[in-house]
């Protein structure tokens, strides 16, 4: 694996700017890979051996993606919308897994590691670079259930929604009684239909969703 400075520079370029979240994400990814025995996640021999679960859609997640090479499109990066600055790293071969959480106390002690900085943001950025792992993170050995349909590669499970007929892949259907439903028809839609100016609905499928 490249040095911290090199990985941070790559991550900041991909993310669009350097920030404290990038520092946390890069360090979290480096530590996670080391704990699960992945020496270099982008090397050919390790490229398909790592799955990472991220729990927040903020700066650190971009850094983790940059360092590990894990991608949602490759099904090696999983998003759990918990709002916690944390990630779990899983070695697919050994099933060894560690969850790493960014500590809230690190915000308060960052100034102790960057006393020359007067700006709070600069204190955090430089302090997070310098403080030891055991102050920046909480680490826990965990187990992660990995069903076959969660693994990278082509879909291993398909279901057809009994209401709207939509194909649902990768075990994401919902069983309600005897019905197999997509999550939209099960009431989990994140959107709602809007009529355009001439009072037409966009897409016939809107008539079925949520009914």
N, C-alpha and C. Protein backbone atom coordinates (compact mmCIF):
# COMPACT_ATOMS: atom_id res chain seq x y z
N UNK A 1 0.84 -1.19 0.00
CA UNK A 1 0.00 0.00 0.00
C UNK A 1 0.88 1.25 0.00
N UNK A 2 0.42 2.29 -0.65
CA UNK A 2 1.17 3.54 -0.70
C UNK A 2 1.23 4.19 0.68
N UNK A 3 2.04 5.22 0.79
CA UNK A 3 2.17 5.95 2.05
C UNK A 3 0.90 6.73 2.35
N UNK A 4 0.73 7.12 3.61
CA UNK A 4 -0.42 7.92 4.01
C UNK A 4 -0.50 9.20 3.21
N UNK A 5 0.62 9.90 3.06
CA UNK A 5 0.62 11.18 2.35
C UNK A 5 0.18 10.99 0.89
N UNK A 6 0.66 9.94 0.25
CA UNK A 6 0.29 9.70 -1.15
C UNK A 6 -1.19 9.35 -1.27
N UNK A 7 -1.66 8.52 -0.36
CA UNK A 7 -3.09 8.14 -0.40
C UNK A 7 -3.99 9.33 -0.09
N UNK A 8 -3.56 10.19 0.82
CA UNK A 8 -4.35 11.38 1.15
C UNK A 8 -4.41 12.33 -0.04
N UNK A 9 -3.29 12.49 -0.73
CA UNK A 9 -3.28 13.37 -1.91
C UNK A 9 -4.20 12.83 -3.00
N UNK A 10 -4.18 11.53 -3.22
CA UNK A 10 -5.06 10.93 -4.22
C UNK A 10 -6.52 11.10 -3.83
N UNK A 11 -6.81 10.88 -2.56
CA UNK A 11 -8.18 10.98 -2.09
C UNK A 11 -8.70 12.40 -2.20
N UNK A 12 -7.90 13.37 -1.79
CA UNK A 12 -8.31 14.77 -1.85
C UNK A 12 -8.56 15.20 -3.29
N UNK A 13 -7.75 14.71 -4.21
CA UNK A 13 -7.95 15.06 -5.62
C UNK A 13 -9.27 14.49 -6.14
N UNK A 14 -9.58 13.26 -5.78
CA UNK A 14 -10.84 12.64 -6.20
C UNK A 14 -12.03 13.32 -5.55
N UNK A 15 -11.88 13.68 -4.28
CA UNK A 15 -12.98 14.27 -3.52
C UNK A 15 -13.22 15.73 -3.93
N UNK A 16 -12.16 16.41 -4.33
CA UNK A 16 -12.29 17.81 -4.75
C UNK A 16 -11.65 18.80 -3.81
N UNK A 17 -11.32 18.39 -2.59
CA UNK A 17 -10.62 19.26 -1.65
C UNK A 17 -10.09 18.42 -0.50
N UNK A 18 -9.13 19.00 0.22
CA UNK A 18 -8.57 18.34 1.40
C UNK A 18 -9.34 18.81 2.63
N UNK A 19 -9.77 17.87 3.46
CA UNK A 19 -10.51 18.21 4.66
C UNK A 19 -10.23 17.18 5.74
N UNK A 20 -10.69 17.46 6.95
CA UNK A 20 -10.47 16.54 8.06
C UNK A 20 -11.12 15.19 7.80
N UNK A 21 -12.27 15.20 7.12
CA UNK A 21 -12.95 13.94 6.81
C UNK A 21 -12.12 13.05 5.90
N UNK A 22 -11.35 13.66 5.00
CA UNK A 22 -10.47 12.88 4.14
C UNK A 22 -9.37 12.21 4.95
N UNK A 23 -8.82 12.94 5.91
CA UNK A 23 -7.78 12.37 6.77
C UNK A 23 -8.33 11.17 7.54
N UNK A 24 -9.51 11.35 8.14
CA UNK A 24 -10.13 10.26 8.90
C UNK A 24 -10.38 9.05 8.00
N UNK A 25 -10.95 9.30 6.81
CA UNK A 25 -11.27 8.20 5.92
C UNK A 25 -10.06 7.44 5.44
N UNK A 26 -9.00 8.15 5.09
CA UNK A 26 -7.78 7.49 4.62
C UNK A 26 -7.18 6.65 5.75
N UNK A 27 -7.09 7.23 6.93
CA UNK A 27 -6.51 6.47 8.06
C UNK A 27 -7.40 5.28 8.44
N UNK A 28 -8.71 5.48 8.39
CA UNK A 28 -9.63 4.39 8.71
C UNK A 28 -9.46 3.24 7.72
N UNK A 29 -9.34 3.57 6.43
CA UNK A 29 -9.17 2.54 5.41
C UNK A 29 -7.84 1.80 5.55
N UNK A 30 -6.78 2.54 5.82
CA UNK A 30 -5.47 1.91 6.00
C UNK A 30 -5.49 0.96 7.19
N UNK A 31 -6.09 1.41 8.29
CA UNK A 31 -6.17 0.56 9.48
C UNK A 31 -7.06 -0.65 9.23
N UNK A 32 -8.20 -0.44 8.60
CA UNK A 32 -9.12 -1.54 8.33
C UNK A 32 -8.50 -2.62 7.47
N UNK A 33 -7.81 -2.20 6.42
CA UNK A 33 -7.15 -3.17 5.54
C UNK A 33 -6.08 -3.96 6.29
N UNK A 34 -5.33 -3.25 7.11
CA UNK A 34 -4.27 -3.93 7.88
C UNK A 34 -4.87 -4.95 8.85
N UNK A 35 -5.96 -4.59 9.50
CA UNK A 35 -6.57 -5.49 10.49
C UNK A 35 -7.12 -6.77 9.86
N UNK A 36 -7.65 -6.67 8.64
CA UNK A 36 -8.24 -7.87 8.01
C UNK A 36 -7.25 -8.59 7.10
N UNK A 37 -6.00 -8.13 7.09
CA UNK A 37 -4.97 -8.85 6.35
C UNK A 37 -4.94 -8.57 4.87
N UNK A 38 -5.40 -7.40 4.47
CA UNK A 38 -5.34 -7.00 3.06
C UNK A 38 -4.20 -6.01 2.90
N UNK A 39 -3.08 -6.45 2.38
CA UNK A 39 -1.89 -5.61 2.31
C UNK A 39 -2.08 -4.44 1.37
N UNK A 40 -2.64 -4.69 0.21
CA UNK A 40 -2.89 -3.64 -0.78
C UNK A 40 -4.18 -3.98 -1.51
N UNK A 41 -5.29 -3.33 -1.16
CA UNK A 41 -6.59 -3.72 -1.72
C UNK A 41 -6.71 -3.54 -3.23
N UNK A 42 -5.81 -2.75 -3.81
CA UNK A 42 -5.88 -2.52 -5.25
C UNK A 42 -4.97 -3.47 -6.05
N UNK A 43 -4.17 -4.23 -5.35
CA UNK A 43 -3.30 -5.20 -6.02
C UNK A 43 -4.16 -6.34 -6.56
N UNK A 44 -3.76 -6.92 -7.70
CA UNK A 44 -4.58 -7.97 -8.33
C UNK A 44 -4.96 -9.11 -7.39
N UNK A 45 -4.05 -9.52 -6.53
CA UNK A 45 -4.33 -10.67 -5.66
C UNK A 45 -5.31 -10.34 -4.52
N UNK A 46 -5.56 -9.04 -4.28
CA UNK A 46 -6.46 -8.64 -3.21
C UNK A 46 -7.73 -7.95 -3.71
N UNK A 47 -7.81 -7.67 -4.98
CA UNK A 47 -8.85 -6.80 -5.52
C UNK A 47 -10.26 -7.32 -5.25
N UNK A 48 -10.44 -8.63 -5.20
CA UNK A 48 -11.77 -9.20 -5.01
C UNK A 48 -11.91 -9.88 -3.65
N UNK A 49 -11.12 -9.43 -2.69
CA UNK A 49 -11.13 -10.08 -1.38
C UNK A 49 -11.64 -9.17 -0.27
N UNK A 50 -12.08 -7.95 -0.62
CA UNK A 50 -12.47 -6.99 0.41
C UNK A 50 -13.87 -6.44 0.14
N UNK A 51 -14.68 -6.42 1.18
CA UNK A 51 -15.96 -5.71 1.18
C UNK A 51 -15.93 -4.71 2.32
N UNK A 52 -16.40 -3.50 2.05
CA UNK A 52 -16.45 -2.46 3.07
C UNK A 52 -17.88 -1.95 3.21
N UNK A 53 -18.36 -1.91 4.44
CA UNK A 53 -19.66 -1.30 4.76
C UNK A 53 -19.40 0.08 5.33
N UNK A 54 -19.93 1.12 4.70
CA UNK A 54 -19.82 2.47 5.23
C UNK A 54 -21.17 2.90 5.79
N UNK A 55 -21.13 3.74 6.82
CA UNK A 55 -22.35 4.07 7.56
C UNK A 55 -22.73 5.54 7.46
N UNK A 56 -22.07 6.29 6.58
CA UNK A 56 -22.39 7.71 6.43
C UNK A 56 -22.05 8.15 5.02
N UNK A 57 -22.83 9.09 4.47
CA UNK A 57 -22.56 9.59 3.13
C UNK A 57 -21.90 10.96 3.20
N UNK A 58 -20.68 10.95 3.75
CA UNK A 58 -19.91 12.18 3.86
C UNK A 58 -18.47 11.95 3.42
N UNK A 59 -17.61 12.93 3.72
CA UNK A 59 -16.27 12.98 3.14
C UNK A 59 -15.45 11.71 3.35
N UNK A 60 -15.53 11.15 4.56
CA UNK A 60 -14.71 9.97 4.86
C UNK A 60 -15.02 8.81 3.93
N UNK A 61 -16.27 8.70 3.50
CA UNK A 61 -16.64 7.59 2.61
C UNK A 61 -15.92 7.70 1.26
N UNK A 62 -15.80 8.92 0.73
CA UNK A 62 -15.03 9.09 -0.50
C UNK A 62 -13.58 8.66 -0.33
N UNK A 63 -13.02 8.97 0.83
CA UNK A 63 -11.63 8.58 1.10
C UNK A 63 -11.49 7.08 1.19
N UNK A 64 -12.42 6.42 1.86
CA UNK A 64 -12.38 4.96 1.97
C UNK A 64 -12.48 4.32 0.59
N UNK A 65 -13.36 4.85 -0.24
CA UNK A 65 -13.48 4.33 -1.60
C UNK A 65 -12.19 4.51 -2.37
N UNK A 66 -11.55 5.68 -2.21
CA UNK A 66 -10.31 5.96 -2.93
C UNK A 66 -9.19 5.02 -2.52
N UNK A 67 -9.04 4.79 -1.23
CA UNK A 67 -7.94 3.96 -0.73
C UNK A 67 -8.15 2.49 -1.07
N UNK A 68 -9.37 2.00 -0.88
CA UNK A 68 -9.61 0.56 -1.03
C UNK A 68 -9.90 0.14 -2.46
N UNK A 69 -10.39 1.06 -3.27
CA UNK A 69 -10.83 0.69 -4.62
C UNK A 69 -12.19 0.02 -4.63
N UNK A 70 -12.83 -0.11 -3.46
CA UNK A 70 -14.17 -0.70 -3.40
C UNK A 70 -15.18 0.26 -4.01
N UNK A 71 -16.15 -0.29 -4.73
CA UNK A 71 -17.14 0.53 -5.42
C UNK A 71 -18.52 -0.10 -5.23
N UNK A 72 -19.54 0.77 -5.18
CA UNK A 72 -20.90 0.25 -5.11
C UNK A 72 -21.25 -0.51 -6.38
N UNK A 73 -20.76 -0.03 -7.51
CA UNK A 73 -21.04 -0.70 -8.78
C UNK A 73 -20.41 -2.08 -8.87
N UNK A 74 -19.38 -2.31 -8.09
CA UNK A 74 -18.74 -3.63 -8.03
C UNK A 74 -19.30 -4.48 -6.88
N UNK A 75 -20.20 -3.90 -6.11
CA UNK A 75 -20.82 -4.56 -4.97
C UNK A 75 -19.82 -4.87 -3.86
N UNK A 76 -18.70 -4.16 -3.87
CA UNK A 76 -17.72 -4.34 -2.81
C UNK A 76 -17.78 -3.20 -1.79
N UNK A 77 -18.56 -2.16 -2.09
CA UNK A 77 -18.82 -1.08 -1.15
C UNK A 77 -20.30 -1.08 -0.84
N UNK A 78 -20.65 -1.24 0.43
CA UNK A 78 -22.04 -1.32 0.86
C UNK A 78 -22.36 -0.09 1.72
N UNK A 79 -23.51 0.53 1.48
CA UNK A 79 -23.90 1.71 2.23
C UNK A 79 -25.03 1.41 3.19
N UNK A 80 -24.78 1.62 4.46
CA UNK A 80 -25.79 1.52 5.50
C UNK A 80 -26.03 2.93 6.05
N UNK A 81 -27.21 3.47 5.83
CA UNK A 81 -27.47 4.87 6.15
C UNK A 81 -27.76 5.06 7.63
N UNK A 82 -26.71 4.96 8.46
CA UNK A 82 -26.85 5.06 9.91
C UNK A 82 -26.46 6.45 10.44
N UNK A 83 -25.82 7.28 9.61
CA UNK A 83 -25.38 8.59 10.07
C UNK A 83 -24.23 8.54 11.06
N UNK A 84 -23.47 7.45 11.05
CA UNK A 84 -22.33 7.28 11.96
C UNK A 84 -21.05 7.26 11.12
N UNK A 85 -20.05 7.98 11.59
CA UNK A 85 -18.78 8.02 10.86
C UNK A 85 -18.00 6.74 11.17
N UNK A 86 -18.41 5.67 10.49
CA UNK A 86 -17.86 4.35 10.78
C UNK A 86 -17.84 3.51 9.51
N UNK A 87 -17.00 2.49 9.54
CA UNK A 87 -16.94 1.55 8.42
C UNK A 87 -16.52 0.19 8.94
N UNK A 88 -17.02 -0.86 8.30
CA UNK A 88 -16.63 -2.23 8.63
C UNK A 88 -15.94 -2.85 7.44
N UNK A 89 -14.78 -3.43 7.69
CA UNK A 89 -13.95 -4.02 6.66
C UNK A 89 -13.99 -5.54 6.80
N UNK A 90 -14.29 -6.22 5.70
CA UNK A 90 -14.48 -7.67 5.72
C UNK A 90 -13.56 -8.34 4.70
N UNK A 91 -12.75 -9.27 5.16
CA UNK A 91 -11.96 -10.11 4.27
C UNK A 91 -12.87 -11.24 3.79
N UNK A 92 -13.18 -11.26 2.51
CA UNK A 92 -14.14 -12.23 1.97
C UNK A 92 -13.65 -13.67 2.16
N UNK A 93 -12.35 -13.89 2.02
CA UNK A 93 -11.81 -15.24 2.12
C UNK A 93 -11.85 -15.77 3.55
N UNK A 94 -11.39 -14.96 4.49
CA UNK A 94 -11.27 -15.43 5.87
C UNK A 94 -12.48 -15.08 6.72
N UNK A 95 -13.32 -14.14 6.24
CA UNK A 95 -14.47 -13.58 6.97
C UNK A 95 -14.06 -12.83 8.23
N UNK A 96 -12.78 -12.52 8.37
CA UNK A 96 -12.34 -11.65 9.45
C UNK A 96 -12.87 -10.25 9.16
N UNK A 97 -13.47 -9.61 10.17
CA UNK A 97 -14.08 -8.30 9.98
C UNK A 97 -13.86 -7.41 11.20
N UNK A 98 -13.64 -6.14 10.94
CA UNK A 98 -13.48 -5.15 12.01
C UNK A 98 -14.31 -3.91 11.68
N UNK A 99 -15.04 -3.42 12.68
CA UNK A 99 -15.77 -2.16 12.56
C UNK A 99 -14.95 -1.07 13.24
N UNK A 100 -14.74 0.03 12.52
CA UNK A 100 -13.93 1.15 13.01
C UNK A 100 -14.81 2.39 13.06
N UNK A 101 -14.84 3.05 14.21
CA UNK A 101 -15.67 4.24 14.41
C UNK A 101 -14.77 5.42 14.76
N UNK A 102 -15.01 6.55 14.11
CA UNK A 102 -14.29 7.78 14.45
C UNK A 102 -14.81 8.30 15.79
N UNK A 103 -13.92 8.52 16.75
CA UNK A 103 -14.34 8.94 18.08
C UNK A 103 -14.73 10.42 18.10
N UNK A 104 -15.72 10.74 18.92
CA UNK A 104 -16.11 12.14 19.09
C UNK A 104 -15.09 12.89 19.95
N UNK A 105 -14.40 12.19 20.84
CA UNK A 105 -13.41 12.86 21.68
C UNK A 105 -12.21 13.37 20.89
N UNK A 106 -11.98 12.78 19.72
CA UNK A 106 -10.84 13.23 18.91
C UNK A 106 -10.98 14.69 18.49
N UNK A 107 -12.21 15.17 18.35
CA UNK A 107 -12.42 16.58 18.01
C UNK A 107 -11.81 17.49 19.08
N UNK A 108 -12.01 17.11 20.34
CA UNK A 108 -11.58 17.97 21.44
C UNK A 108 -10.09 17.93 21.68
N UNK A 109 -9.46 16.81 21.36
CA UNK A 109 -8.03 16.69 21.64
C UNK A 109 -7.16 16.97 20.42
N UNK A 110 -7.78 17.27 19.28
CA UNK A 110 -7.00 17.53 18.07
C UNK A 110 -6.02 18.68 18.28
N UNK A 111 -6.44 19.70 19.05
CA UNK A 111 -5.58 20.87 19.27
C UNK A 111 -4.30 20.50 20.02
N UNK A 112 -4.36 19.42 20.82
CA UNK A 112 -3.17 19.00 21.54
C UNK A 112 -2.09 18.46 20.59
N UNK A 113 -2.52 17.99 19.44
CA UNK A 113 -1.59 17.43 18.45
C UNK A 113 -1.23 18.42 17.36
N UNK A 114 -1.88 19.58 17.36
CA UNK A 114 -1.54 20.63 16.40
C UNK A 114 -1.61 21.99 17.09
N UNK A 115 -0.81 22.18 18.14
CA UNK A 115 -0.90 23.42 18.94
C UNK A 115 -0.51 24.67 18.15
N UNK A 116 0.22 24.49 17.08
CA UNK A 116 0.64 25.65 16.29
C UNK A 116 -0.48 26.22 15.43
N UNK A 117 -1.55 25.45 15.26
CA UNK A 117 -2.67 25.89 14.43
C UNK A 117 -3.69 26.64 15.29
N UNK A 118 -4.13 27.80 14.82
CA UNK A 118 -5.12 28.60 15.53
C UNK A 118 -6.53 28.39 14.97
N UNK A 119 -6.62 28.09 13.71
CA UNK A 119 -7.91 27.83 13.09
C UNK A 119 -8.40 26.43 13.47
N UNK A 120 -9.66 26.33 13.92
CA UNK A 120 -10.18 25.04 14.40
C UNK A 120 -10.14 23.97 13.31
N UNK A 121 -10.48 24.35 12.10
CA UNK A 121 -10.47 23.36 11.02
C UNK A 121 -9.07 22.85 10.74
N UNK A 122 -8.10 23.76 10.77
CA UNK A 122 -6.72 23.34 10.55
C UNK A 122 -6.23 22.48 11.72
N UNK A 123 -6.67 22.82 12.94
CA UNK A 123 -6.30 22.01 14.10
C UNK A 123 -6.79 20.57 13.94
N UNK A 124 -8.04 20.44 13.50
CA UNK A 124 -8.60 19.10 13.32
C UNK A 124 -7.87 18.35 12.22
N UNK A 125 -7.65 19.01 11.10
CA UNK A 125 -7.01 18.35 9.97
C UNK A 125 -5.61 17.86 10.35
N UNK A 126 -4.81 18.74 10.92
CA UNK A 126 -3.45 18.36 11.28
C UNK A 126 -3.42 17.43 12.48
N UNK A 127 -4.32 17.67 13.44
CA UNK A 127 -4.37 16.81 14.62
C UNK A 127 -4.74 15.38 14.27
N UNK A 128 -5.70 15.22 13.36
CA UNK A 128 -6.12 13.88 12.94
C UNK A 128 -4.99 13.16 12.20
N UNK A 129 -4.12 13.91 11.57
CA UNK A 129 -2.98 13.28 10.91
C UNK A 129 -2.01 12.68 11.92
N UNK A 130 -1.89 13.32 13.08
CA UNK A 130 -0.81 13.01 14.00
C UNK A 130 -1.21 12.12 15.17
N UNK A 131 -2.47 12.18 15.62
CA UNK A 131 -2.83 11.44 16.83
C UNK A 131 -2.83 9.94 16.57
N UNK A 132 -2.56 9.14 17.59
CA UNK A 132 -2.50 7.68 17.40
C UNK A 132 -3.87 7.09 17.10
N UNK A 133 -3.84 5.92 16.50
CA UNK A 133 -5.08 5.25 16.10
C UNK A 133 -6.04 5.06 17.27
N UNK A 134 -5.51 4.72 18.45
CA UNK A 134 -6.39 4.40 19.57
C UNK A 134 -7.12 5.61 20.14
N UNK A 135 -6.71 6.81 19.76
CA UNK A 135 -7.43 8.01 20.14
C UNK A 135 -8.37 8.48 19.04
N UNK A 136 -8.00 8.20 17.82
CA UNK A 136 -8.81 8.63 16.69
C UNK A 136 -9.98 7.69 16.43
N UNK A 137 -9.79 6.41 16.78
CA UNK A 137 -10.79 5.40 16.43
C UNK A 137 -11.13 4.48 17.62
N UNK A 138 -12.34 3.96 17.56
CA UNK A 138 -12.74 2.80 18.36
C UNK A 138 -12.82 1.62 17.40
N UNK A 139 -12.20 0.50 17.77
CA UNK A 139 -12.11 -0.66 16.89
C UNK A 139 -12.75 -1.86 17.57
N UNK A 140 -13.57 -2.60 16.81
CA UNK A 140 -14.24 -3.78 17.36
C UNK A 140 -14.19 -4.91 16.35
N UNK A 141 -13.77 -6.08 16.79
CA UNK A 141 -13.86 -7.28 15.95
C UNK A 141 -15.32 -7.68 15.86
N UNK A 142 -15.82 -7.91 14.65
CA UNK A 142 -17.24 -8.23 14.45
C UNK A 142 -17.39 -9.39 13.48
N UNK A 143 -18.58 -9.93 13.44
CA UNK A 143 -18.95 -10.89 12.42
C UNK A 143 -19.96 -10.25 11.49
N UNK A 144 -19.90 -10.55 10.21
CA UNK A 144 -20.82 -9.99 9.23
C UNK A 144 -21.45 -11.13 8.45
N UNK A 145 -22.77 -11.15 8.42
CA UNK A 145 -23.48 -12.16 7.64
C UNK A 145 -23.42 -11.77 6.17
N UNK A 146 -22.86 -12.67 5.37
CA UNK A 146 -22.72 -12.40 3.93
C UNK A 146 -23.45 -13.48 3.14
N UNK A 147 -24.76 -13.29 2.91
CA UNK A 147 -25.48 -14.25 2.06
C UNK A 147 -24.89 -14.26 0.65
N UNK A 148 -25.15 -15.32 -0.06
CA UNK A 148 -24.61 -15.46 -1.41
C UNK A 148 -24.98 -14.28 -2.29
N UNK A 149 -26.23 -13.77 -2.14
CA UNK A 149 -26.68 -12.69 -3.03
C UNK A 149 -26.10 -11.32 -2.66
N UNK A 150 -25.33 -11.24 -1.56
CA UNK A 150 -24.65 -10.00 -1.20
C UNK A 150 -23.25 -9.92 -1.80
N UNK A 151 -22.77 -11.01 -2.35
CA UNK A 151 -21.40 -11.06 -2.82
C UNK A 151 -21.22 -10.33 -4.14
N UNK A 152 -20.00 -9.84 -4.41
CA UNK A 152 -19.71 -9.26 -5.73
C UNK A 152 -19.95 -10.27 -6.84
N UNK A 153 -20.17 -9.75 -8.04
CA UNK A 153 -20.44 -10.63 -9.18
C UNK A 153 -21.85 -10.46 -9.69
N UNK A 154 -22.26 -11.30 -10.62
CA UNK A 154 -23.60 -11.19 -11.21
C UNK A 154 -24.69 -11.50 -10.19
N UNK A 155 -25.92 -11.00 -10.41
CA UNK A 155 -27.02 -11.29 -9.47
C UNK A 155 -27.25 -12.78 -9.32
N UNK A 156 -27.41 -13.21 -8.09
CA UNK A 156 -27.65 -14.62 -7.79
C UNK A 156 -29.09 -14.87 -7.35
N UNK A 157 -29.87 -13.82 -7.29
CA UNK A 157 -31.26 -13.97 -6.87
C UNK A 157 -32.13 -12.91 -7.55
N UNK A 158 -33.26 -13.33 -8.07
CA UNK A 158 -34.21 -12.44 -8.74
C UNK A 158 -35.61 -12.70 -8.20
N UNK A 159 -36.41 -11.66 -8.17
CA UNK A 159 -37.82 -11.80 -7.80
C UNK A 159 -38.61 -10.78 -8.60
N UNK A 160 -39.85 -11.11 -8.92
CA UNK A 160 -40.73 -10.19 -9.64
C UNK A 160 -41.79 -9.69 -8.66
N UNK A 161 -41.94 -8.37 -8.57
CA UNK A 161 -42.95 -7.80 -7.68
C UNK A 161 -44.33 -8.22 -8.14
N UNK A 162 -45.12 -8.76 -7.22
CA UNK A 162 -46.44 -9.28 -7.58
C UNK A 162 -47.46 -8.18 -7.83
N UNK A 163 -47.11 -6.93 -7.55
CA UNK A 163 -48.03 -5.82 -7.79
C UNK A 163 -47.70 -5.04 -9.06
N UNK A 164 -46.44 -4.61 -9.19
CA UNK A 164 -46.10 -3.76 -10.34
C UNK A 164 -45.33 -4.50 -11.42
N UNK A 165 -44.86 -5.71 -11.13
CA UNK A 165 -44.15 -6.50 -12.12
C UNK A 165 -42.68 -6.15 -12.28
N UNK A 166 -42.17 -5.25 -11.44
CA UNK A 166 -40.76 -4.85 -11.52
C UNK A 166 -39.84 -5.99 -11.08
N UNK A 167 -38.76 -6.19 -11.83
CA UNK A 167 -37.75 -7.18 -11.44
C UNK A 167 -36.93 -6.63 -10.28
N UNK A 168 -36.77 -7.40 -9.23
CA UNK A 168 -35.99 -7.01 -8.06
C UNK A 168 -34.83 -7.99 -7.92
N UNK A 169 -33.62 -7.45 -7.83
CA UNK A 169 -32.42 -8.28 -7.79
C UNK A 169 -31.79 -8.30 -6.39
N UNK A 170 -30.97 -9.29 -6.19
CA UNK A 170 -30.08 -9.37 -5.04
C UNK A 170 -30.80 -9.43 -3.70
N UNK A 171 -31.95 -10.09 -3.66
CA UNK A 171 -32.62 -10.33 -2.39
C UNK A 171 -33.24 -9.11 -1.75
N UNK A 172 -33.52 -8.08 -2.54
CA UNK A 172 -34.07 -6.84 -1.97
C UNK A 172 -35.59 -6.81 -1.95
N UNK A 173 -36.24 -7.90 -2.34
CA UNK A 173 -37.70 -7.94 -2.29
C UNK A 173 -38.18 -8.04 -0.84
N UNK A 174 -39.44 -7.71 -0.63
CA UNK A 174 -40.06 -7.77 0.68
C UNK A 174 -41.21 -8.76 0.63
N UNK A 175 -41.25 -9.67 1.57
CA UNK A 175 -42.34 -10.64 1.64
C UNK A 175 -43.40 -10.13 2.60
N UNK A 176 -44.62 -9.94 2.10
CA UNK A 176 -45.77 -9.56 2.92
C UNK A 176 -46.87 -10.57 2.66
N UNK A 177 -47.11 -11.42 3.61
CA UNK A 177 -48.06 -12.51 3.40
C UNK A 177 -47.56 -13.42 2.29
N UNK A 178 -48.40 -13.62 1.30
CA UNK A 178 -48.04 -14.48 0.17
C UNK A 178 -47.42 -13.69 -0.97
N UNK A 179 -47.30 -12.36 -0.80
CA UNK A 179 -46.79 -11.52 -1.87
C UNK A 179 -45.29 -11.28 -1.75
N UNK A 180 -44.65 -11.19 -2.90
CA UNK A 180 -43.27 -10.77 -3.00
C UNK A 180 -43.26 -9.39 -3.64
N UNK A 181 -42.85 -8.36 -2.90
CA UNK A 181 -43.00 -6.98 -3.36
C UNK A 181 -41.65 -6.27 -3.50
N UNK A 182 -41.58 -5.35 -4.45
CA UNK A 182 -40.48 -4.41 -4.47
C UNK A 182 -40.67 -3.45 -3.29
N UNK A 183 -39.63 -2.77 -2.88
CA UNK A 183 -39.72 -1.92 -1.70
C UNK A 183 -40.62 -0.70 -1.93
N UNK A 184 -40.77 -0.31 -3.18
CA UNK A 184 -41.68 0.80 -3.47
C UNK A 184 -43.12 0.40 -3.17
N UNK A 185 -43.52 -0.74 -3.68
CA UNK A 185 -44.88 -1.21 -3.44
C UNK A 185 -45.10 -1.62 -1.99
N UNK A 186 -44.01 -1.87 -1.27
CA UNK A 186 -44.11 -2.20 0.15
C UNK A 186 -44.18 -0.96 1.03
N UNK A 187 -44.19 0.22 0.38
CA UNK A 187 -44.35 1.46 1.12
C UNK A 187 -43.06 2.15 1.50
N UNK A 188 -41.93 1.79 0.87
CA UNK A 188 -40.65 2.38 1.21
C UNK A 188 -40.15 3.37 0.16
N UNK A 189 -41.04 3.92 -0.65
CA UNK A 189 -40.62 4.83 -1.71
C UNK A 189 -40.01 6.11 -1.14
N UNK A 190 -38.95 6.60 -1.77
CA UNK A 190 -38.33 7.86 -1.38
C UNK A 190 -38.81 9.02 -2.25
N UNK A 191 -39.69 8.75 -3.22
CA UNK A 191 -40.18 9.79 -4.13
C UNK A 191 -41.69 9.70 -4.24
N UNK A 192 -42.27 10.74 -4.85
CA UNK A 192 -43.71 10.74 -5.12
C UNK A 192 -43.94 11.35 -6.50
N UNK A 193 -44.98 10.92 -7.20
CA UNK A 193 -45.22 11.40 -8.56
C UNK A 193 -45.72 12.84 -8.58
N UNK A 194 -45.32 13.57 -9.60
CA UNK A 194 -45.75 14.95 -9.79
C UNK A 194 -46.28 15.11 -11.21
N UNK A 195 -47.44 15.74 -11.35
CA UNK A 195 -48.02 15.99 -12.67
C UNK A 195 -47.27 17.13 -13.34
N UNK A 196 -47.04 17.01 -14.65
CA UNK A 196 -46.42 18.11 -15.38
C UNK A 196 -47.48 19.16 -15.71
N UNK A 197 -47.09 20.31 -16.30
CA UNK A 197 -48.04 21.41 -16.51
C UNK A 197 -49.33 21.05 -17.25
N UNK A 198 -49.29 20.06 -18.14
CA UNK A 198 -50.52 19.70 -18.85
C UNK A 198 -51.22 18.52 -18.19
N UNK A 199 -50.88 18.32 -16.87
CA UNK A 199 -51.59 17.36 -16.03
C UNK A 199 -51.39 15.90 -16.43
N UNK A 200 -50.29 15.62 -17.10
CA UNK A 200 -49.96 14.23 -17.41
C UNK A 200 -48.95 13.72 -16.40
N UNK A 201 -49.06 12.45 -16.05
CA UNK A 201 -48.11 11.84 -15.13
C UNK A 201 -46.95 11.28 -15.94
N UNK A 202 -45.76 11.37 -15.39
CA UNK A 202 -44.57 10.86 -16.07
C UNK A 202 -44.42 9.37 -15.80
N UNK A 203 -44.78 8.54 -16.75
CA UNK A 203 -44.56 7.10 -16.61
C UNK A 203 -45.79 6.39 -16.07
N UNK A 204 -46.23 5.39 -16.79
CA UNK A 204 -47.42 4.65 -16.35
C UNK A 204 -47.19 3.94 -15.02
N UNK A 205 -45.92 3.60 -14.73
CA UNK A 205 -45.66 2.83 -13.52
C UNK A 205 -46.03 3.59 -12.27
N UNK A 206 -46.10 4.95 -12.34
CA UNK A 206 -46.47 5.71 -11.17
C UNK A 206 -47.87 5.33 -10.68
N UNK A 207 -48.73 4.88 -11.58
CA UNK A 207 -50.10 4.54 -11.19
C UNK A 207 -50.14 3.35 -10.26
N UNK A 208 -49.09 2.52 -10.36
CA UNK A 208 -49.08 1.29 -9.57
C UNK A 208 -48.30 1.44 -8.26
N UNK A 209 -47.28 2.32 -8.26
CA UNK A 209 -46.38 2.41 -7.13
C UNK A 209 -47.12 2.91 -5.90
N UNK A 210 -46.96 2.19 -4.84
CA UNK A 210 -47.55 2.60 -3.56
C UNK A 210 -48.98 2.22 -3.39
N UNK A 211 -49.60 1.56 -4.40
CA UNK A 211 -51.01 1.19 -4.26
C UNK A 211 -51.13 -0.13 -3.53
